């Protein structure tokens, strides 16, 4: 498949290099609002640095990877599918659920594949846990726990345009909770505080948050987020069920441990998402290209993106009102 890449920043570079490593895909063009970024990635991958319009209008390009700023995603998805291309787009589709719905109408009309980049589903450890959960190893699901903590907060200027922690950071965890629960949440309750950086609170956001969700059958999901973890990038999940518990822990820089009279000591956990989810980024592109070649709809889908956004909206509302919010994802 011939591939065009829109966005040559940090995540675009990851995807571009992963495409180049594939025998079944050819990265032919890269576009970015910053010409130097496009030129640098093009040189590293053997692609051409061109405009976004050139990629979208090139009939020889089969698929487009969208790694641009969030406020461009929906427009680019619509343009790409209307041009007959399969689309992989980084999360979220948009910060506004109504805009996502309009975008998905266009996608449905064209019949072209759309996959949203919730990469954590493809982490080898999380994927193995989900597979064993589906096989019944933990029994009937009772509580799903998701912990996600960044090593340090982003710049306040980023926070101001991010849509808030629930839509920017926790949206990955909303998708993971849905992925594991296998039943849609119907109620969301959220708490948030600015404990890490006062400037984040002054910008109207939170940097420390917890969410409780409940499904119609009573299953519970609990999510914990923080913009600060002094020990590295904290990424853990646990599912408790009627037969037992499944959990996946952090990945350390090495597996070496030392044991002395002072106790056991391990190396730090990996520092950020680039290292922690390197294998997941490769696996999600494999799923995208495999689905496209097989004529199947890829997952996570645009609808998965919408449902995660609805949960993020509900959590944002709940954190402001102090009250639980009812949601209906089956009607999304």
Protein backbone atom coordinates (compact mmCIF):
# COMPACT_ATOMS: atom_id res chain seq x y z
CA UNK A 1 0.00 0.00 0.00
CA UNK A 2 1.17 3.51 -0.77
CA UNK A 3 0.94 5.74 2.29
CA UNK A 4 0.87 9.48 2.88
CA UNK A 5 1.67 10.94 6.29
CA UNK A 6 0.09 14.17 7.53
CA UNK A 7 2.05 15.53 10.47
CA UNK A 8 5.79 15.04 11.00
CA UNK A 9 6.01 15.78 14.71
CA UNK A 10 6.90 13.34 17.46
CA UNK A 11 4.09 10.83 16.88
CA UNK A 12 4.20 11.29 13.10
CA UNK A 13 7.86 10.36 13.12
CA UNK A 14 7.12 7.18 15.05
CA UNK A 15 4.45 6.10 12.58
CA UNK A 16 6.49 7.13 9.55
CA UNK A 17 9.48 5.04 10.58
CA UNK A 18 7.21 2.11 11.42
CA UNK A 19 5.66 2.25 7.95
CA UNK A 20 9.13 2.20 6.37
CA UNK A 21 9.97 -0.96 8.32
CA UNK A 22 6.99 -2.80 6.82
CA UNK A 23 7.38 -4.93 3.67
CA UNK A 24 3.75 -4.36 2.65
CA UNK A 25 3.65 -0.55 2.81
CA UNK A 26 5.54 2.26 1.13
CA UNK A 27 5.67 5.75 2.65
CA UNK A 28 5.66 7.98 -0.42
CA UNK A 29 4.89 11.44 0.95
CA UNK A 30 5.06 13.50 4.14
CA UNK A 31 3.40 16.83 4.88
CA UNK A 32 3.65 19.17 7.84
CA UNK A 33 2.83 22.81 8.56
CA UNK A 34 6.52 23.17 9.48
CA UNK A 35 8.48 22.56 6.25
CA UNK A 36 11.68 21.67 8.10
CA UNK A 37 9.90 18.90 10.04
CA UNK A 38 8.48 17.42 6.83
CA UNK A 39 11.85 17.63 5.09
CA UNK A 40 13.63 15.95 8.02
CA UNK A 41 11.23 13.01 8.18
CA UNK A 42 11.15 12.69 4.41
CA UNK A 43 14.94 12.43 4.37
CA UNK A 44 14.86 9.80 7.10
CA UNK A 45 12.26 7.67 5.32
CA UNK A 46 12.95 8.17 1.63
CA UNK A 47 9.60 9.86 1.12
CA UNK A 48 8.91 13.20 -0.55
CA UNK A 49 8.04 16.32 1.41
CA UNK A 50 4.87 17.73 -0.15
CA UNK A 51 1.77 19.66 0.87
CA UNK A 52 -1.22 18.10 2.60
CA UNK A 53 -3.35 18.95 -0.43
CA UNK A 54 -0.90 17.10 -2.66
CA UNK A 55 -1.25 13.96 -0.54
CA UNK A 56 -5.03 14.14 -0.46
CA UNK A 57 -5.31 14.68 -4.22
CA UNK A 58 -2.80 11.97 -5.17
CA UNK A 59 -4.89 9.11 -6.53
CA UNK A 60 -2.01 6.65 -6.18
CA UNK A 61 -1.93 6.98 -2.39
CA UNK A 62 -4.03 4.25 -0.76
CA UNK A 63 -3.93 5.28 2.88
CA UNK A 64 -3.33 8.39 4.96
CA UNK A 65 -1.98 8.57 8.51
CA UNK A 66 -3.19 11.70 10.32
CA UNK A 67 -0.83 12.89 13.06
CA UNK A 68 -1.61 16.61 12.99
CA UNK A 69 -3.01 18.82 15.79
CA UNK A 70 -6.39 17.75 17.14
CA UNK A 71 -8.35 20.64 15.69
CA UNK A 72 -7.46 19.49 12.16
CA UNK A 73 -8.39 15.81 12.53
CA UNK A 74 -12.06 15.83 11.58
CA UNK A 75 -11.56 17.99 8.49
CA UNK A 76 -8.64 15.86 7.29
CA UNK A 77 -10.52 12.59 7.90
CA UNK A 78 -13.43 13.84 5.81
CA UNK A 79 -11.14 15.04 3.03
CA UNK A 80 -9.17 11.80 2.98
CA UNK A 81 -12.11 9.38 2.91
CA UNK A 82 -13.84 11.56 0.32
CA UNK A 83 -10.69 11.18 -1.78
CA UNK A 84 -11.05 7.40 -1.53
CA UNK A 85 -8.32 6.73 1.01
CA UNK A 86 -8.21 4.52 4.09
CA UNK A 87 -7.46 6.57 7.19
CA UNK A 88 -5.57 6.02 10.41
CA UNK A 89 -5.99 9.01 12.74
CA UNK A 90 -4.45 9.72 16.10
CA UNK A 91 -6.90 10.31 18.94
CA UNK A 92 -9.15 12.19 19.33
CA UNK A 93 -11.25 12.74 16.22
CA UNK A 94 -12.22 16.12 17.69
CA UNK A 95 -12.78 17.71 21.09
CA UNK A 96 -16.48 18.19 20.27
CA UNK A 97 -18.70 15.10 20.18
CA UNK A 98 -21.16 16.73 17.76
CA UNK A 99 -18.32 17.38 15.32
CA UNK A 100 -17.22 13.75 15.62
CA UNK A 101 -20.73 12.58 14.78
CA UNK A 102 -20.79 14.73 11.63
CA UNK A 103 -17.39 13.39 10.63
CA UNK A 104 -18.50 9.78 11.07
CA UNK A 105 -21.53 10.39 8.84
CA UNK A 106 -19.14 11.38 6.06
CA UNK A 107 -16.96 8.33 6.71
CA UNK A 108 -19.98 6.03 6.57
CA UNK A 109 -21.16 7.52 3.29
CA UNK A 110 -17.79 6.87 1.64
CA UNK A 111 -17.43 3.36 3.04
CA UNK A 112 -13.70 3.88 3.55
CA UNK A 113 -11.87 2.40 6.56
CA UNK A 114 -11.17 4.62 9.58
CA UNK A 115 -9.10 3.56 12.57
CA UNK A 116 -8.46 5.71 15.65
CA UNK A 117 -5.09 5.50 17.39
CA UNK A 118 -5.88 4.12 20.82
CA UNK A 119 -2.53 2.38 20.86
CA UNK A 120 -2.77 0.95 24.38
CA UNK A 121 -5.14 -1.78 23.18
CA UNK A 122 -2.14 -3.11 21.24
CA UNK A 123 0.39 -3.14 24.06
CA UNK A 124 1.50 -6.80 24.22
CA UNK A 125 0.86 -7.05 27.95
CA UNK A 126 -2.51 -5.31 27.94
CA UNK A 127 -3.60 -7.27 24.87
CA UNK A 128 -2.61 -10.56 26.52
CA UNK A 129 -4.54 -9.61 29.64
CA UNK A 130 -7.64 -8.81 27.59
CA UNK A 131 -7.36 -12.11 25.71
CA UNK A 132 -7.12 -14.10 28.94
CA UNK A 133 -9.98 -12.09 30.40
CA UNK A 134 -12.17 -12.98 27.41
CA UNK A 135 -11.19 -16.63 27.90
CA UNK A 136 -12.72 -16.48 31.38
CA UNK A 137 -9.55 -16.72 33.44
CA UNK A 138 -10.73 -14.10 35.96
CA UNK A 139 -14.37 -15.15 35.79
CA UNK A 140 -17.18 -12.62 35.67
CA UNK A 141 -15.75 -9.09 35.64
CA UNK A 142 -16.43 -7.06 38.77
CA UNK A 143 -13.90 -4.19 38.95
CA UNK A 144 -11.56 -2.78 36.31
CA UNK A 145 -8.78 -0.49 37.55
CA UNK A 146 -6.69 1.68 35.23
CA UNK A 147 -3.74 3.78 36.45
CA UNK A 148 -2.02 6.28 34.18
CA UNK A 149 0.44 8.86 35.48
CA UNK A 150 2.81 10.99 33.45
CA UNK A 151 6.33 11.68 34.75
CA UNK A 152 5.78 15.46 34.56
CA UNK A 153 3.08 17.92 33.46
CA UNK A 154 3.01 19.42 29.97
CA UNK A 155 3.56 23.15 29.40
CA UNK A 156 0.63 25.30 30.47
CA UNK A 157 0.28 26.63 26.91
CA UNK A 158 -0.41 23.04 25.81
CA UNK A 159 -2.91 22.56 28.62
CA UNK A 160 -4.87 25.64 27.54
CA UNK A 161 -5.61 24.12 24.11
CA UNK A 162 -5.74 20.44 25.10
CA UNK A 163 -9.43 20.27 25.98
CA UNK A 164 -8.59 19.35 29.57
CA UNK A 165 -7.13 16.30 31.28
CA UNK A 166 -10.24 14.15 30.83
CA UNK A 167 -10.33 14.73 27.04
CA UNK A 168 -6.59 14.84 26.45
CA UNK A 169 -4.98 12.34 28.82
CA UNK A 170 -7.71 10.18 30.33
CA UNK A 171 -9.39 9.51 26.99
CA UNK A 172 -6.92 6.64 26.51
CA UNK A 173 -8.08 5.17 29.81
CA UNK A 174 -11.75 5.56 28.94
CA UNK A 175 -11.08 3.49 25.83
CA UNK A 176 -9.11 0.92 27.82
CA UNK A 177 -11.90 0.64 30.40
CA UNK A 178 -14.44 -0.01 27.64
CA UNK A 179 -12.06 -2.49 26.01
CA UNK A 180 -11.79 -4.49 29.23
CA UNK A 181 -15.32 -4.15 30.63
CA UNK A 182 -16.94 -5.52 27.46
CA UNK A 183 -20.05 -3.64 28.59
CA UNK A 184 -20.79 0.03 28.17
CA UNK A 185 -20.68 2.38 31.17
CA UNK A 186 -23.97 4.11 31.96
CA UNK A 187 -22.85 6.39 34.79
CA UNK A 188 -19.72 8.52 35.29
CA UNK A 189 -18.51 10.30 38.41
CA UNK A 190 -15.31 12.35 38.41
CA UNK A 191 -13.13 14.30 40.82
CA UNK A 192 -10.27 16.56 39.82
CA UNK A 193 -7.75 18.85 41.48
CA UNK A 194 -4.74 20.94 40.54
CA UNK A 195 -2.10 19.61 42.95
CA UNK A 196 0.96 19.40 40.70
CA UNK A 197 1.16 22.80 39.03
CA UNK A 198 -0.95 25.78 40.22
CA UNK A 199 -0.73 27.27 36.72
CA UNK A 200 -2.75 24.32 35.40
CA UNK A 201 -5.53 25.17 37.84
CA UNK A 202 -5.33 28.83 36.84
CA UNK A 203 -5.77 27.71 33.23
CA UNK A 204 -9.03 26.02 34.23
CA UNK A 205 -7.79 22.43 34.16
CA UNK A 206 -6.83 19.72 36.65
CA UNK A 207 -3.67 17.65 36.90
CA UNK A 208 -4.88 14.99 39.35
CA UNK A 209 -8.10 13.11 38.74
CA UNK A 210 -10.10 10.01 39.55
CA UNK A 211 -13.16 8.63 37.79
CA UNK A 212 -15.67 5.95 38.74
CA UNK A 213 -17.90 4.37 36.08
CA UNK A 214 -20.65 1.79 36.38
CA UNK A 215 -22.26 -0.42 33.75
CA UNK A 216 -25.90 -1.46 33.61
CA UNK A 217 -25.11 -4.81 35.22
CA UNK A 218 -23.15 -3.14 38.03
CA UNK A 219 -19.58 -3.65 36.85
CA UNK A 220 -17.30 -0.86 38.07
CA UNK A 221 -14.31 0.81 36.46
CA UNK A 222 -11.99 3.12 38.35
CA UNK A 223 -9.42 5.34 36.64
CA UNK A 224 -6.60 7.27 38.32
CA UNK A 225 -4.62 9.97 36.47
CA UNK A 226 -1.84 12.30 37.51
CA UNK A 227 0.38 14.65 35.56
CA UNK A 228 3.26 13.77 37.91
CA UNK A 229 4.95 10.49 38.81
CA UNK A 230 8.43 10.99 40.25
CA UNK A 231 9.38 7.39 39.46
CA UNK A 232 8.60 7.40 35.70
CA UNK A 233 5.71 6.66 33.37
CA UNK A 234 3.18 4.74 35.47
CA UNK A 235 0.95 2.49 33.34
CA UNK A 236 -0.93 -0.32 35.07
CA UNK A 237 -4.23 -2.16 34.73
CA UNK A 238 -6.02 -4.69 36.90
CA UNK A 239 -9.23 -6.65 36.45
CA UNK A 240 -10.85 -8.36 39.44
CA UNK A 241 -13.45 -11.02 38.80
CA UNK A 242 -15.40 -13.86 40.36
CA UNK A 243 -12.56 -16.36 39.83
CA UNK A 244 -9.60 -14.13 40.59
CA UNK A 245 -7.59 -11.23 39.25
CA UNK A 246 -5.53 -10.35 36.19
CA UNK A 247 -3.07 -7.47 36.20
CA UNK A 248 -0.37 -5.97 34.01
CA UNK A 249 2.31 -3.85 35.64
CA UNK A 250 4.88 -1.28 34.63
CA UNK A 251 7.78 -2.02 32.32
CA UNK A 252 11.19 -1.21 33.76
CA UNK A 253 14.29 -0.04 31.91
CA UNK A 254 15.80 -3.47 32.58
CA UNK A 255 14.62 -6.61 34.37
CA UNK A 256 17.70 -6.60 36.63
CA UNK A 257 17.04 -6.63 40.36
CA UNK A 258 19.50 -6.39 43.24
CA UNK A 259 18.95 -7.87 46.67
CA UNK A 260 20.89 -6.74 49.73
CA UNK A 261 20.35 -6.38 53.44
CA UNK A 262 18.42 -3.22 52.67
CA UNK A 263 15.91 -5.11 50.51
CA UNK A 264 15.18 -5.54 46.79
CA UNK A 265 15.88 -2.83 44.25
CA UNK A 266 14.81 -2.60 40.60
CA UNK A 267 15.69 -0.19 37.79
CA UNK A 268 13.28 2.71 37.13
CA UNK A 269 10.23 2.24 34.96
CA UNK A 270 10.48 3.46 31.37
CA UNK A 271 10.28 7.22 31.27
CA UNK A 272 7.57 8.07 28.74
CA UNK A 273 5.18 6.86 26.07
CA UNK A 274 7.74 6.76 23.25
CA UNK A 275 9.59 3.92 24.98
CA UNK A 276 6.69 2.34 26.88
CA UNK A 277 4.42 1.90 23.88
CA UNK A 278 6.94 1.34 21.07
CA UNK A 279 5.67 -2.20 20.45
CA UNK A 280 2.05 -1.03 20.64
CA UNK A 281 2.62 1.57 17.92
CA UNK A 282 4.00 -1.12 15.62
CA UNK A 283 1.15 -3.52 16.42
CA UNK A 284 -1.62 -0.98 15.83
CA UNK A 285 -0.29 -0.16 12.36
CA UNK A 286 -0.10 -3.87 11.65
CA UNK A 287 -3.78 -4.15 12.61
CA UNK A 288 -4.65 -1.19 10.39
CA UNK A 289 -2.90 -2.47 7.27
CA UNK A 290 -4.09 -6.05 7.85
CA UNK A 291 -7.70 -4.86 8.07
CA UNK A 292 -7.38 -2.68 4.98
CA UNK A 293 -5.86 -5.47 2.90
CA UNK A 294 -8.48 -7.92 4.10
CA UNK A 295 -11.38 -5.59 3.38
CA UNK A 296 -12.40 -5.53 7.04
CA UNK A 297 -13.32 -2.60 9.27
CA UNK A 298 -10.37 -1.77 11.54
CA UNK A 299 -10.69 -1.28 15.29
CA UNK A 300 -10.64 0.90 17.31
CA UNK A 301 -13.18 2.53 15.02
CA UNK A 302 -14.44 6.06 14.68
CA UNK A 303 -17.38 5.02 16.88
CA UNK A 304 -14.92 3.91 19.57
CA UNK A 305 -13.41 7.37 19.33
CA UNK A 306 -16.83 8.97 19.76
CA UNK A 307 -17.72 6.83 22.77
CA UNK A 308 -14.45 7.64 24.54
CA UNK A 309 -15.10 11.33 23.87
CA UNK A 310 -18.61 11.08 25.32
CA UNK A 311 -17.15 9.58 28.50
CA UNK A 312 -14.54 12.33 28.64
CA UNK A 313 -17.27 14.96 28.25
CA UNK A 314 -19.28 13.33 31.04
CA UNK A 315 -16.25 13.24 33.35
CA UNK A 316 -15.50 16.89 32.63
CA UNK A 317 -19.09 17.82 33.51
CA UNK A 318 -19.12 15.65 36.63
CA UNK A 319 -15.87 17.13 37.94
CA UNK A 320 -17.36 20.61 37.64
CA UNK A 321 -20.77 19.86 39.14
CA UNK A 322 -19.76 17.27 41.72
CA UNK A 323 -22.57 15.03 40.52
CA UNK A 324 -22.64 11.75 38.57
CA UNK A 325 -23.55 11.98 34.89
CA UNK A 326 -25.69 9.42 33.06
CA UNK A 327 -24.52 8.38 29.59
CA UNK A 328 -25.99 6.20 26.86
CA UNK A 329 -23.23 4.87 24.64
CA UNK A 330 -25.46 2.28 22.99
CA UNK A 331 -27.24 5.16 21.28
CA UNK A 332 -24.05 7.03 20.29
